Amino acid sequence: RDRDFVLAAVAANGKALKLVDESFKHDRDVVLAAVSQNGDALQYADEILKRDRDVVLVAVETWGDALRLGADDSFKRDRDVVLAAVAQNGSAFQYADRRLKRDRDVVSAVVAQDGGALQFADESCKRD
């Protein structure tokens, strides 16, 4: 239950968040250290922190699939979060809200990052 030890552990291996005492999964600094090292650690964070935009942004910047595993569903509609996720992993676009998949500006930005992500765009954007 030593906070400094836990911070060092999750900074070295973000997925160690899975193994720590529940009280640390509520600690924003501990969770930020974990997702900074590995965005996949978001799935082990407290639900409140999965709705924290700053925490989610850090997570998707290190692991785009955190958009699917861990992040609150509301972030699938958040343009900046989706673009950050796609910048890390183009296939994360498949988890974006359908409105973003129809948004030509978003699709253009996504395809500029990863041309293969076009497969996840709305059909109306594929015709252009």
N, C-alpha and C. Protein backbone atom coordinates (compact mmCIF):
# COMPACT_ATOMS: atom_id res chain seq x y z
N ARG A 1 0.82 -1.20 0.00
CA ARG A 1 0.00 0.00 0.00
C ARG A 1 0.86 1.26 0.00
N ASP A 2 2.13 1.13 -0.34
CA ASP A 2 3.04 2.25 -0.41
C ASP A 2 2.85 2.94 -1.77
N ARG A 3 2.34 4.16 -1.73
CA ARG A 3 2.00 4.87 -2.97
C ARG A 3 3.22 5.07 -3.88
N ASP A 4 4.36 5.41 -3.30
CA ASP A 4 5.57 5.62 -4.12
C ASP A 4 5.99 4.34 -4.83
N PHE A 5 5.87 3.23 -4.12
CA PHE A 5 6.20 1.94 -4.72
C PHE A 5 5.25 1.64 -5.88
N VAL A 6 3.97 1.87 -5.66
CA VAL A 6 2.96 1.60 -6.69
C VAL A 6 3.19 2.51 -7.89
N LEU A 7 3.47 3.79 -7.65
CA LEU A 7 3.74 4.71 -8.76
C LEU A 7 4.93 4.23 -9.59
N ALA A 8 5.98 3.79 -8.93
CA ALA A 8 7.16 3.29 -9.65
C ALA A 8 6.83 2.02 -10.43
N ALA A 9 6.03 1.16 -9.83
CA ALA A 9 5.67 -0.11 -10.49
C ALA A 9 4.85 0.14 -11.75
N VAL A 10 3.84 0.98 -11.67
CA VAL A 10 2.99 1.21 -12.85
C VAL A 10 3.70 2.06 -13.90
N ALA A 11 4.64 2.89 -13.46
CA ALA A 11 5.43 3.66 -14.43
C ALA A 11 6.35 2.74 -15.24
N ALA A 12 6.79 1.66 -14.61
CA ALA A 12 7.64 0.68 -15.30
C ALA A 12 6.83 -0.28 -16.14
N ASN A 13 5.62 -0.62 -15.66
CA ASN A 13 4.75 -1.56 -16.37
C ASN A 13 3.31 -1.16 -16.06
N GLY A 14 2.70 -0.43 -16.97
CA GLY A 14 1.35 0.09 -16.75
C GLY A 14 0.33 -0.96 -16.39
N LYS A 15 0.48 -2.15 -16.95
CA LYS A 15 -0.50 -3.20 -16.68
C LYS A 15 -0.42 -3.73 -15.26
N ALA A 16 0.59 -3.31 -14.50
CA ALA A 16 0.66 -3.67 -13.08
C ALA A 16 -0.52 -3.07 -12.33
N LEU A 17 -1.20 -2.09 -12.94
CA LEU A 17 -2.39 -1.51 -12.31
C LEU A 17 -3.42 -2.60 -12.00
N LYS A 18 -3.44 -3.62 -12.80
CA LYS A 18 -4.38 -4.73 -12.57
C LYS A 18 -4.17 -5.38 -11.21
N LEU A 19 -2.95 -5.37 -10.72
CA LEU A 19 -2.59 -6.12 -9.53
C LEU A 19 -2.59 -5.30 -8.24
N VAL A 20 -2.70 -3.99 -8.35
CA VAL A 20 -2.58 -3.16 -7.15
C VAL A 20 -3.89 -3.11 -6.37
N ASP A 21 -3.80 -2.67 -5.14
CA ASP A 21 -4.96 -2.51 -4.29
C ASP A 21 -5.97 -1.58 -4.97
N GLU A 22 -7.26 -1.87 -4.77
CA GLU A 22 -8.33 -1.09 -5.40
C GLU A 22 -8.19 0.40 -5.13
N SER A 23 -7.69 0.79 -3.98
CA SER A 23 -7.58 2.21 -3.65
C SER A 23 -6.70 2.95 -4.64
N PHE A 24 -5.71 2.29 -5.21
CA PHE A 24 -4.82 2.93 -6.17
C PHE A 24 -5.48 3.08 -7.55
N LYS A 25 -6.49 2.27 -7.81
CA LYS A 25 -7.19 2.36 -9.09
C LYS A 25 -8.10 3.59 -9.13
N HIS A 26 -8.28 4.24 -7.97
CA HIS A 26 -9.04 5.48 -7.86
C HIS A 26 -8.12 6.69 -7.88
N ASP A 27 -6.83 6.45 -7.77
CA ASP A 27 -5.83 7.51 -7.64
C ASP A 27 -5.44 8.00 -9.04
N ARG A 28 -5.82 9.23 -9.34
CA ARG A 28 -5.60 9.77 -10.69
C ARG A 28 -4.13 9.74 -11.09
N ASP A 29 -3.23 10.10 -10.17
CA ASP A 29 -1.81 10.11 -10.49
C ASP A 29 -1.29 8.71 -10.80
N VAL A 30 -1.73 7.74 -10.05
CA VAL A 30 -1.31 6.35 -10.29
C VAL A 30 -1.83 5.89 -11.65
N VAL A 31 -3.09 6.16 -11.93
CA VAL A 31 -3.67 5.74 -13.21
C VAL A 31 -2.99 6.46 -14.37
N LEU A 32 -2.73 7.75 -14.22
CA LEU A 32 -2.02 8.48 -15.29
C LEU A 32 -0.64 7.90 -15.54
N ALA A 33 0.07 7.54 -14.48
CA ALA A 33 1.39 6.92 -14.65
C ALA A 33 1.26 5.59 -15.39
N ALA A 34 0.24 4.83 -15.05
CA ALA A 34 0.04 3.54 -15.70
C ALA A 34 -0.30 3.69 -17.18
N VAL A 35 -1.26 4.54 -17.50
CA VAL A 35 -1.67 4.67 -18.91
C VAL A 35 -0.64 5.41 -19.74
N SER A 36 0.21 6.19 -19.09
CA SER A 36 1.31 6.83 -19.82
C SER A 36 2.30 5.78 -20.31
N GLN A 37 2.45 4.73 -19.54
CA GLN A 37 3.36 3.66 -19.93
C GLN A 37 2.68 2.68 -20.87
N ASN A 38 1.39 2.42 -20.64
CA ASN A 38 0.66 1.46 -21.46
C ASN A 38 -0.83 1.78 -21.37
N GLY A 39 -1.39 2.29 -22.44
CA GLY A 39 -2.79 2.68 -22.46
C GLY A 39 -3.75 1.55 -22.16
N ASP A 40 -3.30 0.33 -22.36
CA ASP A 40 -4.13 -0.85 -22.07
C ASP A 40 -4.49 -0.91 -20.58
N ALA A 41 -3.71 -0.25 -19.75
CA ALA A 41 -3.97 -0.25 -18.30
C ALA A 41 -5.27 0.46 -17.95
N LEU A 42 -5.80 1.25 -18.87
CA LEU A 42 -7.05 1.97 -18.59
C LEU A 42 -8.17 1.03 -18.18
N GLN A 43 -8.18 -0.15 -18.73
CA GLN A 43 -9.27 -1.09 -18.41
C GLN A 43 -9.28 -1.49 -16.94
N TYR A 44 -8.19 -1.27 -16.23
CA TYR A 44 -8.12 -1.63 -14.81
C TYR A 44 -8.39 -0.44 -13.88
N ALA A 45 -8.58 0.73 -14.45
CA ALA A 45 -8.82 1.94 -13.66
C ALA A 45 -10.25 1.98 -13.14
N ASP A 46 -10.46 2.79 -12.12
CA ASP A 46 -11.80 3.03 -11.60
C ASP A 46 -12.68 3.63 -12.70
N GLU A 47 -13.97 3.32 -12.66
CA GLU A 47 -14.91 3.80 -13.68
C GLU A 47 -14.91 5.33 -13.80
N ILE A 48 -14.74 6.02 -12.71
CA ILE A 48 -14.73 7.49 -12.76
C ILE A 48 -13.56 7.98 -13.61
N LEU A 49 -12.42 7.35 -13.47
CA LEU A 49 -11.25 7.76 -14.25
C LEU A 49 -11.35 7.35 -15.71
N LYS A 50 -12.16 6.36 -16.00
CA LYS A 50 -12.41 5.99 -17.40
C LYS A 50 -13.26 7.04 -18.09
N ARG A 51 -13.84 7.96 -17.31
CA ARG A 51 -14.62 9.07 -17.87
C ARG A 51 -13.85 10.39 -17.81
N ASP A 52 -12.62 10.34 -17.36
CA ASP A 52 -11.77 11.52 -17.25
C ASP A 52 -11.07 11.74 -18.60
N ARG A 53 -11.40 12.83 -19.26
CA ARG A 53 -10.91 13.06 -20.62
C ARG A 53 -9.39 13.07 -20.71
N ASP A 54 -8.74 13.69 -19.74
CA ASP A 54 -7.27 13.75 -19.77
C ASP A 54 -6.65 12.36 -19.64
N VAL A 55 -7.20 11.55 -18.77
CA VAL A 55 -6.71 10.18 -18.59
C VAL A 55 -6.92 9.38 -19.87
N VAL A 56 -8.09 9.51 -20.45
CA VAL A 56 -8.40 8.76 -21.68
C VAL A 56 -7.50 9.22 -22.83
N LEU A 57 -7.27 10.52 -22.95
CA LEU A 57 -6.38 11.00 -24.02
C LEU A 57 -4.98 10.41 -23.89
N VAL A 58 -4.45 10.40 -22.69
CA VAL A 58 -3.13 9.81 -22.49
C VAL A 58 -3.15 8.33 -22.86
N ALA A 59 -4.19 7.64 -22.45
CA ALA A 59 -4.29 6.20 -22.73
C ALA A 59 -4.33 5.92 -24.23
N VAL A 60 -5.16 6.64 -24.97
CA VAL A 60 -5.27 6.35 -26.41
C VAL A 60 -4.03 6.80 -27.17
N GLU A 61 -3.30 7.76 -26.62
CA GLU A 61 -2.05 8.17 -27.27
C GLU A 61 -0.98 7.09 -27.18
N THR A 62 -1.06 6.23 -26.17
CA THR A 62 -0.08 5.15 -26.04
C THR A 62 -0.63 3.81 -26.54
N TRP A 63 -1.94 3.69 -26.61
CA TRP A 63 -2.57 2.46 -27.11
C TRP A 63 -3.95 2.82 -27.66
N GLY A 64 -4.03 2.95 -28.96
CA GLY A 64 -5.27 3.39 -29.60
C GLY A 64 -6.49 2.56 -29.25
N ASP A 65 -6.28 1.28 -29.01
CA ASP A 65 -7.41 0.40 -28.68
C ASP A 65 -8.01 0.68 -27.31
N ALA A 66 -7.40 1.56 -26.53
CA ALA A 66 -8.02 1.96 -25.25
C ALA A 66 -9.37 2.61 -25.52
N LEU A 67 -9.57 3.09 -26.75
CA LEU A 67 -10.87 3.63 -27.12
C LEU A 67 -11.96 2.56 -26.98
N ARG A 68 -11.59 1.34 -27.25
CA ARG A 68 -12.53 0.21 -27.16
C ARG A 68 -12.49 -0.43 -25.78
N LEU A 69 -11.32 -0.65 -25.26
CA LEU A 69 -11.15 -1.35 -23.98
C LEU A 69 -10.78 -0.36 -22.89
N GLY A 70 -11.74 0.07 -22.17
CA GLY A 70 -11.45 0.92 -21.03
C GLY A 70 -12.14 2.25 -21.05
N ALA A 71 -12.01 2.99 -22.13
CA ALA A 71 -12.59 4.33 -22.18
C ALA A 71 -14.11 4.28 -22.15
N ASP A 72 -14.69 5.24 -21.48
CA ASP A 72 -16.14 5.37 -21.48
C ASP A 72 -16.62 5.54 -22.92
N ASP A 73 -17.76 4.96 -23.25
CA ASP A 73 -18.28 5.01 -24.62
C ASP A 73 -18.47 6.43 -25.15
N SER A 74 -18.67 7.39 -24.27
CA SER A 74 -18.86 8.77 -24.72
C SER A 74 -17.66 9.28 -25.52
N PHE A 75 -16.48 8.73 -25.28
CA PHE A 75 -15.29 9.20 -25.99
C PHE A 75 -15.25 8.73 -27.43
N LYS A 76 -16.09 7.79 -27.78
CA LYS A 76 -16.16 7.35 -29.17
C LYS A 76 -16.78 8.44 -30.04
N ARG A 77 -17.39 9.43 -29.40
CA ARG A 77 -17.98 10.58 -30.11
C ARG A 77 -17.10 11.82 -30.02
N ASP A 78 -16.01 11.73 -29.30
CA ASP A 78 -15.12 12.86 -29.07
C ASP A 78 -14.06 12.91 -30.18
N ARG A 79 -14.16 13.91 -31.01
CA ARG A 79 -13.28 14.04 -32.18
C ARG A 79 -11.80 13.96 -31.79
N ASP A 80 -11.40 14.73 -30.79
CA ASP A 80 -9.98 14.76 -30.41
C ASP A 80 -9.49 13.42 -29.88
N VAL A 81 -10.31 12.76 -29.09
CA VAL A 81 -9.93 11.46 -28.55
C VAL A 81 -9.81 10.44 -29.68
N VAL A 82 -10.77 10.43 -30.58
CA VAL A 82 -10.73 9.49 -31.70
C VAL A 82 -9.51 9.75 -32.57
N LEU A 83 -9.23 11.01 -32.87
CA LEU A 83 -8.06 11.32 -33.71
C LEU A 83 -6.76 10.92 -33.01
N ALA A 84 -6.69 11.10 -31.70
CA ALA A 84 -5.49 10.68 -30.96
C ALA A 84 -5.35 9.17 -30.99
N ALA A 85 -6.46 8.46 -30.84
CA ALA A 85 -6.42 7.00 -30.89
C ALA A 85 -5.97 6.52 -32.26
N VAL A 86 -6.50 7.12 -33.30
CA VAL A 86 -6.17 6.72 -34.67
C VAL A 86 -4.73 7.06 -35.02
N ALA A 87 -4.22 8.15 -34.46
CA ALA A 87 -2.82 8.50 -34.70
C ALA A 87 -1.89 7.41 -34.17
N GLN A 88 -2.31 6.74 -33.12
CA GLN A 88 -1.52 5.66 -32.55
C GLN A 88 -1.79 4.34 -33.27
N ASN A 89 -3.05 4.13 -33.67
CA ASN A 89 -3.44 2.86 -34.30
C ASN A 89 -4.64 3.13 -35.20
N GLY A 90 -4.42 3.14 -36.48
CA GLY A 90 -5.48 3.47 -37.44
C GLY A 90 -6.72 2.61 -37.30
N SER A 91 -6.55 1.37 -36.89
CA SER A 91 -7.72 0.50 -36.79
C SER A 91 -8.65 0.90 -35.64
N ALA A 92 -8.19 1.78 -34.76
CA ALA A 92 -9.06 2.25 -33.67
C ALA A 92 -10.26 3.02 -34.23
N PHE A 93 -10.17 3.46 -35.47
CA PHE A 93 -11.29 4.20 -36.08
C PHE A 93 -12.55 3.35 -36.16
N GLN A 94 -12.41 2.05 -36.19
CA GLN A 94 -13.59 1.19 -36.25
C GLN A 94 -14.47 1.35 -35.03
N TYR A 95 -13.92 1.85 -33.91
CA TYR A 95 -14.69 2.00 -32.67
C TYR A 95 -15.31 3.38 -32.53
N ALA A 96 -15.03 4.27 -33.47
CA ALA A 96 -15.57 5.63 -33.41
C ALA A 96 -17.08 5.62 -33.66
N ASP A 97 -17.73 6.62 -33.15
CA ASP A 97 -19.16 6.79 -33.37
C ASP A 97 -19.42 6.97 -34.87
N ARG A 98 -20.55 6.49 -35.31
CA ARG A 98 -20.86 6.54 -36.75
C ARG A 98 -20.91 7.97 -37.29
N ARG A 99 -21.24 8.95 -36.45
CA ARG A 99 -21.24 10.34 -36.92
C ARG A 99 -19.84 10.78 -37.32
N LEU A 100 -18.85 10.35 -36.57
CA LEU A 100 -17.47 10.70 -36.93
C LEU A 100 -17.02 9.95 -38.17
N LYS A 101 -17.57 8.77 -38.38
CA LYS A 101 -17.23 8.01 -39.58
C LYS A 101 -17.84 8.62 -40.84
N ARG A 102 -18.81 9.52 -40.64
CA ARG A 102 -19.44 10.23 -41.77
C ARG A 102 -18.87 11.63 -41.95
N ASP A 103 -18.09 12.10 -41.00
CA ASP A 103 -17.55 13.46 -41.01
C ASP A 103 -16.33 13.49 -41.94
N ARG A 104 -16.47 14.19 -43.06
CA ARG A 104 -15.42 14.19 -44.08
C ARG A 104 -14.09 14.72 -43.55
N ASP A 105 -14.13 15.72 -42.67
CA ASP A 105 -12.89 16.26 -42.11
C ASP A 105 -12.18 15.21 -41.24
N VAL A 106 -12.96 14.51 -40.44
CA VAL A 106 -12.38 13.46 -39.58
C VAL A 106 -11.84 12.34 -40.45
N VAL A 107 -12.62 11.90 -41.41
CA VAL A 107 -12.17 10.81 -42.29
C VAL A 107 -10.89 11.20 -43.02
N SER A 108 -10.82 12.43 -43.50
CA SER A 108 -9.60 12.89 -44.18
C SER A 108 -8.39 12.85 -43.26
N ALA A 109 -8.58 13.29 -42.02
CA ALA A 109 -7.48 13.28 -41.05
C ALA A 109 -7.07 11.85 -40.72
N VAL A 110 -8.06 10.99 -40.58
CA VAL A 110 -7.79 9.59 -40.26
C VAL A 110 -7.03 8.92 -41.39
N VAL A 111 -7.48 9.13 -42.61
CA VAL A 111 -6.85 8.49 -43.77
C VAL A 111 -5.44 9.04 -43.97
N ALA A 112 -5.22 10.31 -43.64
CA ALA A 112 -3.87 10.87 -43.73
C ALA A 112 -2.92 10.17 -42.75
N GLN A 113 -3.46 9.72 -41.61
CA GLN A 113 -2.66 9.00 -40.62
C GLN A 113 -2.44 7.55 -41.03
N ASP A 114 -3.53 6.94 -41.53
CA ASP A 114 -3.49 5.51 -41.86
C ASP A 114 -4.50 5.24 -42.96
N GLY A 115 -4.02 5.12 -44.18
CA GLY A 115 -4.91 4.91 -45.32
C GLY A 115 -5.80 3.70 -45.17
N GLY A 116 -5.33 2.68 -44.48
CA GLY A 116 -6.12 1.47 -44.28
C GLY A 116 -7.36 1.69 -43.44
N ALA A 117 -7.37 2.79 -42.68
CA ALA A 117 -8.52 3.06 -41.81
C ALA A 117 -9.75 3.48 -42.62
N LEU A 118 -9.56 3.77 -43.90
CA LEU A 118 -10.69 4.14 -44.76
C LEU A 118 -11.75 3.04 -44.74
N GLN A 119 -11.35 1.81 -44.56
CA GLN A 119 -12.32 0.70 -44.54
C GLN A 119 -13.37 0.87 -43.45
N PHE A 120 -13.07 1.68 -42.41
CA PHE A 120 -14.01 1.86 -41.30
C PHE A 120 -14.89 3.10 -41.47
N ALA A 121 -14.63 3.87 -42.50
CA ALA A 121 -15.40 5.09 -42.75
C ALA A 121 -16.78 4.73 -43.33
N ASP A 122 -17.69 5.67 -43.19
CA ASP A 122 -19.03 5.50 -43.77
C ASP A 122 -18.90 5.40 -45.29
N GLU A 123 -19.78 4.64 -45.90
CA GLU A 123 -19.75 4.44 -47.36
C GLU A 123 -19.79 5.76 -48.11
N SER A 124 -20.52 6.75 -47.59
CA SER A 124 -20.65 8.04 -48.28
C SER A 124 -19.29 8.73 -48.41
N CYS A 125 -18.37 8.45 -47.50
CA CYS A 125 -17.03 9.06 -47.56
C CYS A 125 -16.10 8.28 -48.44
N LYS A 126 -16.40 7.06 -48.70
CA LYS A 126 -15.54 6.23 -49.54
C LYS A 126 -15.69 6.55 -51.02
N ARG A 127 -16.77 7.23 -51.37
CA ARG A 127 -17.02 7.54 -52.78
C ARG A 127 -16.26 8.76 -53.26
N ASP A 128 -15.70 9.51 -52.33
CA ASP A 128 -15.01 10.75 -52.72
C ASP A 128 -13.59 10.51 -53.17
